[in-house]
């Protein structure tokens, strides 16, 4: 069928097809494990979507995902799920993903007693509704809050993974999750959520949007200390960092005594060198593995005329624990090769250094949540591997194995 025909008749195809599918589910003709629906959320579509969700819940589906495109008043049918009846088949739901829906939650709601993963994206929910819904998921292990304007507090005794992206920039944020092991946080104008070491004693992996505002020369060092003090037990750290467009000379305190794995996702201008990235490595004296993913944003070059967004003195750098490096989005550019050469020269224990033309596998996970008007990275053609290898090892003595992934 032509695209024009489908565009003008999408409702007449979507609704009858979904109704037929719902009847098949209801009869038990299919062993359904996952139901994923994307719709416009209008009245006709909503009725068909709710029918399919109802049939799937009755049959004990494990995974439901519902996304609504555009402005709509679609309300997710929470009433279809159990209110404390453990014998209900809907209590077997293991994963729920809701995007751009409305939802209201009764204070006595207990319909998701077996739910282990909950993903809420751009949901129109009150603060109370969010907190009650999370509290009702007694078996919850993984919680994603993405673009949830009214979310303020995350409180759950058994939660192990929290992904909290783009909360409202105003007001204090609190995490009370004593079993939490993994935290990913990204917020505008805020480096860290308001959590303490006492409330997150089991935390091992942290991923942070790391932004430095202002031109204070010691701002980088202060933020590194703040992260280390807030998360003293962290063993794995992922910093998403956009280079400020001014010259700074940051200190490099050795503050991460337990850090073993570091991932740096860097946005920088194409002409900058990358030597300053070593300051994060120097802050973790027992670091064993390093991953990098560098994106080049051309618009950073036009912010002001200062070259090299960050300057760092490499003369005193040596790291005796680093043994494995993986560089993603590697195109063989001069600044990438120079950075790799520095690591080979100053990390005598390195056993392996690997290069990949593609991004890290998990870098694209949230692409669907990124606003379409955000700046895109500049693309470059990869340099020939033989040419890279020749430049990389010229005058460098290292026993590390070089791998092109």
Protein backbone atom coordinates (compact mmCIF):
# COMPACT_ATOMS: atom_id res chain seq x y z
CA UNK A 1 0.00 0.00 0.00
CA UNK A 2 1.15 3.55 -0.64
CA UNK A 3 2.26 5.76 2.24
CA UNK A 4 -0.51 8.27 1.45
CA UNK A 5 -3.15 5.53 1.70
CA UNK A 6 -1.78 4.26 5.00
CA UNK A 7 -1.59 7.79 6.40
CA UNK A 8 -5.24 8.50 5.64
CA UNK A 9 -6.50 5.06 6.69
CA UNK A 10 -4.26 4.13 9.59
CA UNK A 11 -7.12 4.06 12.11
CA UNK A 12 -9.23 1.78 9.93
CA UNK A 13 -6.34 -0.68 9.79
CA UNK A 14 -4.93 -0.33 13.30
CA UNK A 15 -8.15 -0.67 15.27
CA UNK A 16 -9.68 -3.76 13.53
CA UNK A 17 -6.31 -5.50 13.47
CA UNK A 18 -5.73 -4.88 17.17
CA UNK A 19 -9.25 -6.04 18.02
CA UNK A 20 -8.73 -9.31 16.13
CA UNK A 21 -5.40 -9.73 17.90
CA UNK A 22 -7.03 -9.10 21.30
CA UNK A 23 -9.63 -11.79 20.61
CA UNK A 24 -6.88 -14.28 19.76
CA UNK A 25 -5.08 -13.45 22.99
CA UNK A 26 -8.29 -13.83 24.98
CA UNK A 27 -8.92 -17.27 23.52
CA UNK A 28 -5.41 -18.35 24.45
CA UNK A 29 -4.47 -18.99 20.80
CA UNK A 30 -1.03 -17.51 21.38
CA UNK A 31 1.54 -17.84 24.16
CA UNK A 32 2.05 -14.10 24.55
CA UNK A 33 4.98 -12.94 26.67
CA UNK A 34 5.33 -9.28 25.59
CA UNK A 35 2.82 -6.71 24.34
CA UNK A 36 4.25 -3.47 22.89
CA UNK A 37 1.90 -0.85 21.44
CA UNK A 38 2.44 2.60 19.94
CA UNK A 39 -0.67 4.60 19.09
CA UNK A 40 -2.05 8.11 18.69
CA UNK A 41 -4.18 7.70 21.81
CA UNK A 42 -7.42 8.96 20.25
CA UNK A 43 -10.74 7.55 21.44
CA UNK A 44 -11.05 4.73 18.86
CA UNK A 45 -7.44 3.64 19.25
CA UNK A 46 -7.66 3.87 23.06
CA UNK A 47 -10.56 1.41 23.21
CA UNK A 48 -8.67 -1.12 21.08
CA UNK A 49 -5.45 -0.64 23.05
CA UNK A 50 -7.28 -1.15 26.36
CA UNK A 51 -8.94 -4.29 25.01
CA UNK A 52 -5.57 -5.74 24.02
CA UNK A 53 -4.04 -4.82 27.40
CA UNK A 54 -6.98 -6.43 29.21
CA UNK A 55 -6.68 -9.66 27.21
CA UNK A 56 -2.93 -9.76 27.72
CA UNK A 57 -3.28 -9.20 31.49
CA UNK A 58 -5.82 -12.02 31.79
CA UNK A 59 -3.44 -14.39 29.98
CA UNK A 60 -0.59 -13.53 32.35
CA UNK A 61 1.64 -11.52 29.99
CA UNK A 62 5.04 -10.74 31.51
CA UNK A 63 5.94 -7.49 29.72
CA UNK A 64 3.73 -4.56 28.59
CA UNK A 65 4.93 -1.39 26.83
CA UNK A 66 2.58 1.42 25.79
CA UNK A 67 3.67 4.64 24.07
CA UNK A 68 1.46 7.47 22.84
CA UNK A 69 2.58 9.78 20.03
CA UNK A 70 1.61 13.46 20.09
CA UNK A 71 -0.76 15.33 22.38
CA UNK A 72 -3.45 13.10 23.78
CA UNK A 73 -5.61 12.47 26.82
CA UNK A 74 -5.07 8.72 26.77
CA UNK A 75 -5.23 7.26 30.26
CA UNK A 76 -3.56 3.95 30.98
CA UNK A 77 -6.24 1.53 32.30
CA UNK A 78 -4.84 0.86 35.74
CA UNK A 79 -8.30 -0.36 36.77
CA UNK A 80 -7.72 -3.51 34.70
CA UNK A 81 -5.12 -4.65 37.20
CA UNK A 82 -5.60 -6.23 40.59
CA UNK A 83 -6.20 -4.26 43.75
CA UNK A 84 -4.61 -6.59 46.23
CA UNK A 85 -5.91 -9.86 44.73
CA UNK A 86 -2.80 -12.02 44.54
CA UNK A 87 -4.68 -14.71 42.61
CA UNK A 88 -5.21 -12.37 39.67
CA UNK A 89 -3.23 -13.25 36.56
CA UNK A 90 -2.25 -9.58 36.20
CA UNK A 91 -0.06 -9.94 39.29
CA UNK A 92 2.42 -11.90 37.13
CA UNK A 93 3.44 -8.76 35.19
CA UNK A 94 7.25 -8.49 35.35
CA UNK A 95 7.98 -5.33 33.29
CA UNK A 96 5.93 -2.21 32.46
CA UNK A 97 6.98 0.66 30.15
CA UNK A 98 4.66 3.70 29.84
CA UNK A 99 5.41 6.69 27.61
CA UNK A 100 3.35 9.92 27.38
CA UNK A 101 0.21 8.59 29.08
CA UNK A 102 -1.99 9.86 31.88
CA UNK A 103 -2.37 7.76 34.99
CA UNK A 104 -3.93 8.11 38.43
CA UNK A 105 -3.22 5.75 41.29
CA UNK A 106 -5.40 4.86 44.25
CA UNK A 107 -3.69 5.03 47.63
CA UNK A 108 -4.54 1.34 48.14
CA UNK A 109 -3.36 0.16 44.73
CA UNK A 110 -1.37 -3.11 44.90
CA UNK A 111 -1.79 -4.44 41.39
CA UNK A 112 1.88 -4.76 40.52
CA UNK A 113 3.08 -6.90 43.40
CA UNK A 114 5.37 -8.97 41.11
CA UNK A 115 6.63 -6.11 38.93
CA UNK A 116 10.45 -6.00 38.79
CA UNK A 117 11.01 -3.24 36.18
CA UNK A 118 9.06 0.00 35.79
CA UNK A 119 9.83 2.60 33.09
CA UNK A 120 7.99 5.94 33.12
CA UNK A 121 8.73 8.35 30.26
CA UNK A 122 7.13 11.83 30.05
CA UNK A 123 4.17 10.63 32.10
CA UNK A 124 1.59 13.14 33.32
CA UNK A 125 1.42 12.03 36.93
CA UNK A 126 1.30 13.89 40.21
CA UNK A 127 4.06 13.57 42.79
CA UNK A 128 1.74 11.47 44.97
CA UNK A 129 0.72 9.17 42.10
CA UNK A 130 4.37 8.48 41.26
CA UNK A 131 5.33 7.73 44.85
CA UNK A 132 2.28 5.48 45.43
CA UNK A 133 2.88 3.57 42.20
CA UNK A 134 6.55 2.93 43.05
CA UNK A 135 5.65 1.92 46.61
CA UNK A 136 3.01 -0.54 45.36
CA UNK A 137 5.64 -2.44 43.34
CA UNK A 138 6.95 -4.41 46.30
CA UNK A 139 9.24 -6.61 44.14
CA UNK A 140 10.64 -3.69 42.13
CA UNK A 141 14.35 -3.92 41.26
CA UNK A 142 14.72 -1.48 38.34
CA UNK A 143 13.11 1.98 38.00
CA UNK A 144 13.48 4.42 35.07
CA UNK A 145 12.18 7.98 35.46
CA UNK A 146 12.72 9.87 32.19
CA UNK A 147 11.49 13.44 31.70
CA UNK A 148 9.22 13.14 34.73
CA UNK A 149 8.65 16.78 35.68
CA UNK A 150 6.88 16.17 38.98
CA UNK A 151 9.07 13.36 40.35
CA UNK A 152 10.88 14.50 43.50
CA UNK A 153 11.46 11.51 45.77
CA UNK A 154 12.46 7.91 45.08
CA UNK A 155 11.88 5.71 48.10
CA UNK A 156 11.97 1.92 47.90
CA UNK A 157 13.69 -0.61 50.21
CA UNK A 158 14.46 -3.22 47.53
CA UNK A 159 15.34 -1.05 44.50
CA UNK A 160 18.68 -2.02 42.92
CA UNK A 161 18.80 0.09 39.72
CA UNK A 162 17.65 3.69 39.22
CA UNK A 163 17.82 5.65 35.96
CA UNK A 164 16.69 9.25 36.54
CA UNK A 165 16.99 11.47 33.46
CA UNK A 166 15.98 15.11 33.13
CA UNK A 167 13.95 15.75 36.28
CA UNK A 168 12.53 19.20 36.91
CA UNK A 169 15.49 21.59 37.43
CA UNK A 170 13.96 23.19 40.52
CA UNK A 171 13.49 21.68 43.97
CA UNK A 172 15.42 19.14 46.00
CA UNK A 173 15.63 15.56 44.78
CA UNK A 174 15.93 12.71 47.27
CA UNK A 175 16.84 9.05 46.84
CA UNK A 176 16.12 6.71 49.74
CA UNK A 177 17.00 3.24 48.45
CA UNK A 178 19.35 1.33 50.78
CA UNK A 179 19.69 -1.64 48.39
CA UNK A 180 20.55 0.51 45.33
CA UNK A 181 23.56 -0.78 43.40
CA UNK A 182 23.36 1.20 40.14
CA UNK A 183 22.44 4.87 39.63
CA UNK A 184 22.27 6.79 36.36
CA UNK A 185 21.43 10.46 36.72
CA UNK A 186 21.24 13.37 34.28
CA UNK A 187 19.83 16.75 35.28
CA UNK A 188 20.00 20.28 33.94
CA UNK A 189 21.96 22.62 36.18
CA UNK A 190 22.63 19.97 38.80
CA UNK A 191 25.52 17.54 39.05
CA UNK A 192 24.12 15.22 41.72
CA UNK A 193 20.78 14.38 43.29
CA UNK A 194 20.47 15.16 46.98
CA UNK A 195 21.54 11.78 48.38
CA UNK A 196 23.96 10.88 51.14
CA UNK A 197 26.37 8.03 51.71
CA UNK A 198 24.08 6.74 54.47
CA UNK A 199 21.08 6.35 52.17
CA UNK A 200 23.03 4.51 49.43
CA UNK A 201 25.42 2.16 51.24
CA UNK A 202 25.43 -0.57 48.54
CA UNK A 203 26.00 1.66 45.50
CA UNK A 204 28.72 0.31 43.19
CA UNK A 205 28.00 1.80 39.75
CA UNK A 206 27.24 5.48 39.07
CA UNK A 207 26.58 7.23 35.76
CA UNK A 208 26.38 11.03 35.84
CA UNK A 209 25.82 13.88 33.46
CA UNK A 210 28.86 15.93 34.41
CA UNK A 211 28.66 19.62 33.48
CA UNK A 212 30.91 22.41 34.73
CA UNK A 213 29.49 25.94 34.77
CA UNK A 214 31.56 29.08 35.26
CA UNK A 215 35.28 29.65 34.73
CA UNK A 216 36.68 28.85 38.17
CA UNK A 217 40.03 27.12 37.76
CA UNK A 218 39.34 24.51 40.47
CA UNK A 219 35.74 23.67 39.56
CA UNK A 220 36.67 20.29 38.06
CA UNK A 221 38.58 19.17 41.13
CA UNK A 222 35.79 20.26 43.47
CA UNK A 223 33.19 18.29 41.52
CA UNK A 224 35.39 15.19 41.47
CA UNK A 225 35.70 15.44 45.25
CA UNK A 226 31.92 15.94 45.56
CA UNK A 227 31.25 12.77 43.56
CA UNK A 228 33.80 10.80 45.57
CA UNK A 229 32.41 12.04 48.89
CA UNK A 230 28.81 11.36 47.89
CA UNK A 231 29.55 7.88 46.53
CA UNK A 232 32.57 6.54 48.46
CA UNK A 233 31.96 2.86 47.59
CA UNK A 234 31.66 3.29 43.82
CA UNK A 235 33.65 0.75 41.82
CA UNK A 236 32.39 1.70 38.35
CA UNK A 237 31.87 5.30 37.20
CA UNK A 238 30.50 6.70 33.94
CA UNK A 239 30.88 10.46 33.40
CA UNK A 240 29.02 12.17 30.57
CA UNK A 241 30.92 15.38 30.17
CA UNK A 242 30.68 18.39 27.84
CA UNK A 243 33.90 20.38 27.68
CA UNK A 244 33.43 24.00 28.79
CA UNK A 245 34.62 26.57 26.27
CA UNK A 246 37.26 28.26 28.37
CA UNK A 247 40.76 27.48 29.57
CA UNK A 248 41.07 25.91 33.02
CA UNK A 249 43.82 24.08 34.83
CA UNK A 250 42.10 21.58 37.11
CA UNK A 251 43.68 19.84 40.06
CA UNK A 252 43.81 16.04 40.06
CA UNK A 253 43.21 14.75 43.58
CA UNK A 254 43.48 10.98 44.01
CA UNK A 255 40.02 10.67 45.54
CA UNK A 256 38.56 7.43 44.10
CA UNK A 257 40.22 4.79 46.26
CA UNK A 258 37.86 1.96 45.16
CA UNK A 259 37.23 2.86 41.53
CA UNK A 260 38.19 0.04 39.15
CA UNK A 261 36.28 0.87 35.93
CA UNK A 262 35.83 4.32 34.36
CA UNK A 263 33.82 5.31 31.29
CA UNK A 264 34.12 8.80 29.78
CA UNK A 265 31.51 9.99 27.28
CA UNK A 266 32.94 13.30 26.12
CA UNK A 267 31.51 16.08 23.94
CA UNK A 268 34.23 18.40 22.65
CA UNK A 269 35.12 20.56 19.69
CA UNK A 270 36.95 18.91 16.76
CA UNK A 271 40.17 20.95 17.21
CA UNK A 272 40.72 20.26 20.93
CA UNK A 273 43.32 17.85 22.20
CA UNK A 274 42.15 15.12 24.58
CA UNK A 275 45.04 15.05 27.06
CA UNK A 276 42.92 16.67 29.77
CA UNK A 277 40.81 13.47 29.99
CA UNK A 278 43.72 11.90 31.87
CA UNK A 279 42.83 14.02 34.92
CA UNK A 280 39.96 11.60 35.62
CA UNK A 281 42.31 8.61 35.34
CA UNK A 282 44.78 10.27 37.69
CA UNK A 283 42.00 10.72 40.27
CA UNK A 284 41.63 6.91 40.49
CA UNK A 285 45.03 5.38 41.34
CA UNK A 286 43.70 1.78 41.30
CA UNK A 287 41.77 2.07 38.04
CA UNK A 288 42.05 -1.08 35.90
CA UNK A 289 39.83 -0.44 32.86
CA UNK A 290 39.01 2.71 30.87
CA UNK A 291 36.41 3.20 28.12
CA UNK A 292 36.05 6.40 26.09
CA UNK A 293 33.44 7.64 23.63
CA UNK A 294 34.23 11.07 22.16
CA UNK A 295 31.72 13.08 20.13
CA UNK A 296 32.77 16.21 18.25
CA UNK A 297 30.33 19.16 18.37
CA UNK A 298 31.25 21.88 15.88
CA UNK A 299 29.08 24.53 17.56
CA UNK A 300 31.44 24.55 20.58
CA UNK A 301 34.14 26.17 18.43
CA UNK A 302 32.01 29.26 17.87
CA UNK A 303 31.18 29.97 21.53
CA UNK A 304 34.31 32.10 21.93
CA UNK A 305 37.77 32.24 20.46
CA UNK A 306 39.63 30.30 23.14
CA UNK A 307 41.40 27.17 21.81
CA UNK A 308 41.69 24.01 23.89
CA UNK A 309 38.69 24.03 26.24
CA UNK A 310 40.80 22.43 29.00
CA UNK A 311 44.54 22.51 29.55
CA UNK A 312 46.22 19.87 31.67
CA UNK A 313 49.87 19.21 32.47
CA UNK A 314 50.76 15.68 31.31
CA UNK A 315 54.41 15.75 32.36
CA UNK A 316 53.88 14.18 35.79
CA UNK A 317 51.31 11.58 34.80
CA UNK A 318 52.00 7.87 35.33
CA UNK A 319 49.49 5.14 36.13
CA UNK A 320 50.62 1.70 37.28
CA UNK A 321 47.22 -0.06 37.57
CA UNK A 322 45.60 0.67 34.21
CA UNK A 323 45.71 -2.51 32.12
CA UNK A 324 42.85 -2.27 29.57
CA UNK A 325 41.59 0.61 27.40
CA UNK A 326 38.72 0.62 24.88
CA UNK A 327 38.17 3.69 22.69
CA UNK A 328 34.79 3.84 20.94
CA UNK A 329 33.73 6.16 18.11
CA UNK A 330 37.41 6.04 17.17
CA UNK A 331 38.09 7.51 13.72
CA UNK A 332 41.87 7.67 13.88
CA UNK A 333 41.92 11.47 14.24
CA UNK A 334 45.19 13.06 15.39
CA UNK A 335 43.90 14.01 18.84
CA UNK A 336 42.58 10.47 19.40
CA UNK A 337 45.88 8.87 18.40
CA UNK A 338 47.86 11.31 20.56
CA UNK A 339 45.70 10.45 23.57
CA UNK A 340 46.14 6.71 22.98
CA UNK A 341 49.93 7.18 22.63
CA UNK A 342 50.02 9.01 25.96
CA UNK A 343 48.26 6.13 27.70
CA UNK A 344 50.61 3.57 26.15
CA UNK A 345 53.63 5.60 27.25
CA UNK A 346 52.47 6.35 30.81
CA UNK A 347 50.67 3.11 31.75
CA UNK A 348 53.41 0.44 31.87
CA UNK A 349 51.02 -2.31 33.06
CA UNK A 350 48.65 -1.97 30.09
CA UNK A 351 47.92 -5.33 28.46
CA UNK A 352 45.32 -4.38 25.84
CA UNK A 353 44.14 -1.28 23.97
CA UNK A 354 41.19 -1.64 21.57
CA UNK A 355 39.58 0.68 19.03
CA UNK A 356 36.06 0.63 17.56
CA UNK A 357 34.56 2.86 14.84
CA UNK A 358 31.12 2.56 16.45
CA UNK A 359 29.70 3.98 19.65
CA UNK A 360 29.58 2.04 22.89
CA UNK A 361 26.66 -0.43 22.73
CA UNK A 362 24.70 1.26 25.51
CA UNK A 363 25.21 4.82 24.20
CA UNK A 364 22.20 4.48 21.88
CA UNK A 365 19.79 3.09 24.48
CA UNK A 366 18.09 6.43 25.16
CA UNK A 367 18.24 7.90 21.65
CA UNK A 368 14.44 7.85 21.46
CA UNK A 369 14.29 10.10 24.53
CA UNK A 370 16.67 12.80 23.23
CA UNK A 371 14.93 15.94 21.89
CA UNK A 372 15.27 16.13 18.08
CA UNK A 373 16.58 19.71 18.17
CA UNK A 374 19.67 18.83 20.22
CA UNK A 375 23.00 19.36 18.39
CA UNK A 376 24.22 16.41 16.36
CA UNK A 377 27.80 15.21 16.46
CA UNK A 378 30.08 15.86 13.50
CA UNK A 379 30.91 12.68 11.58
CA UNK A 380 34.33 11.76 10.21
CA UNK A 381 35.49 8.97 7.93
CA UNK A 382 37.62 6.39 9.78
CA UNK A 383 41.32 6.37 9.00
CA UNK A 384 42.88 3.15 7.68
CA UNK A 385 43.83 0.80 10.51
CA UNK A 386 47.35 0.25 9.21
CA UNK A 387 47.98 3.99 9.15
CA UNK A 388 46.63 4.29 12.71
CA UNK A 389 48.82 1.44 13.94
CA UNK A 390 51.94 2.95 12.36
CA UNK A 391 51.38 6.35 13.98
CA UNK A 392 50.28 4.84 17.30
CA UNK A 393 53.41 2.77 17.88
CA UNK A 394 55.99 5.10 16.36
CA UNK A 395 58.64 5.60 19.05
CA UNK A 396 56.44 3.96 21.71
CA UNK A 397 57.68 1.02 23.76
CA UNK A 398 54.74 -0.95 25.16
CA UNK A 399 53.81 -4.59 25.60
CA UNK A 400 50.09 -3.89 25.16
CA UNK A 401 48.16 -5.83 22.51
CA UNK A 402 46.47 -3.53 19.95
CA UNK A 403 43.01 -4.64 18.78
CA UNK A 404 40.63 -3.16 16.18
CA UNK A 405 37.12 -4.23 17.12
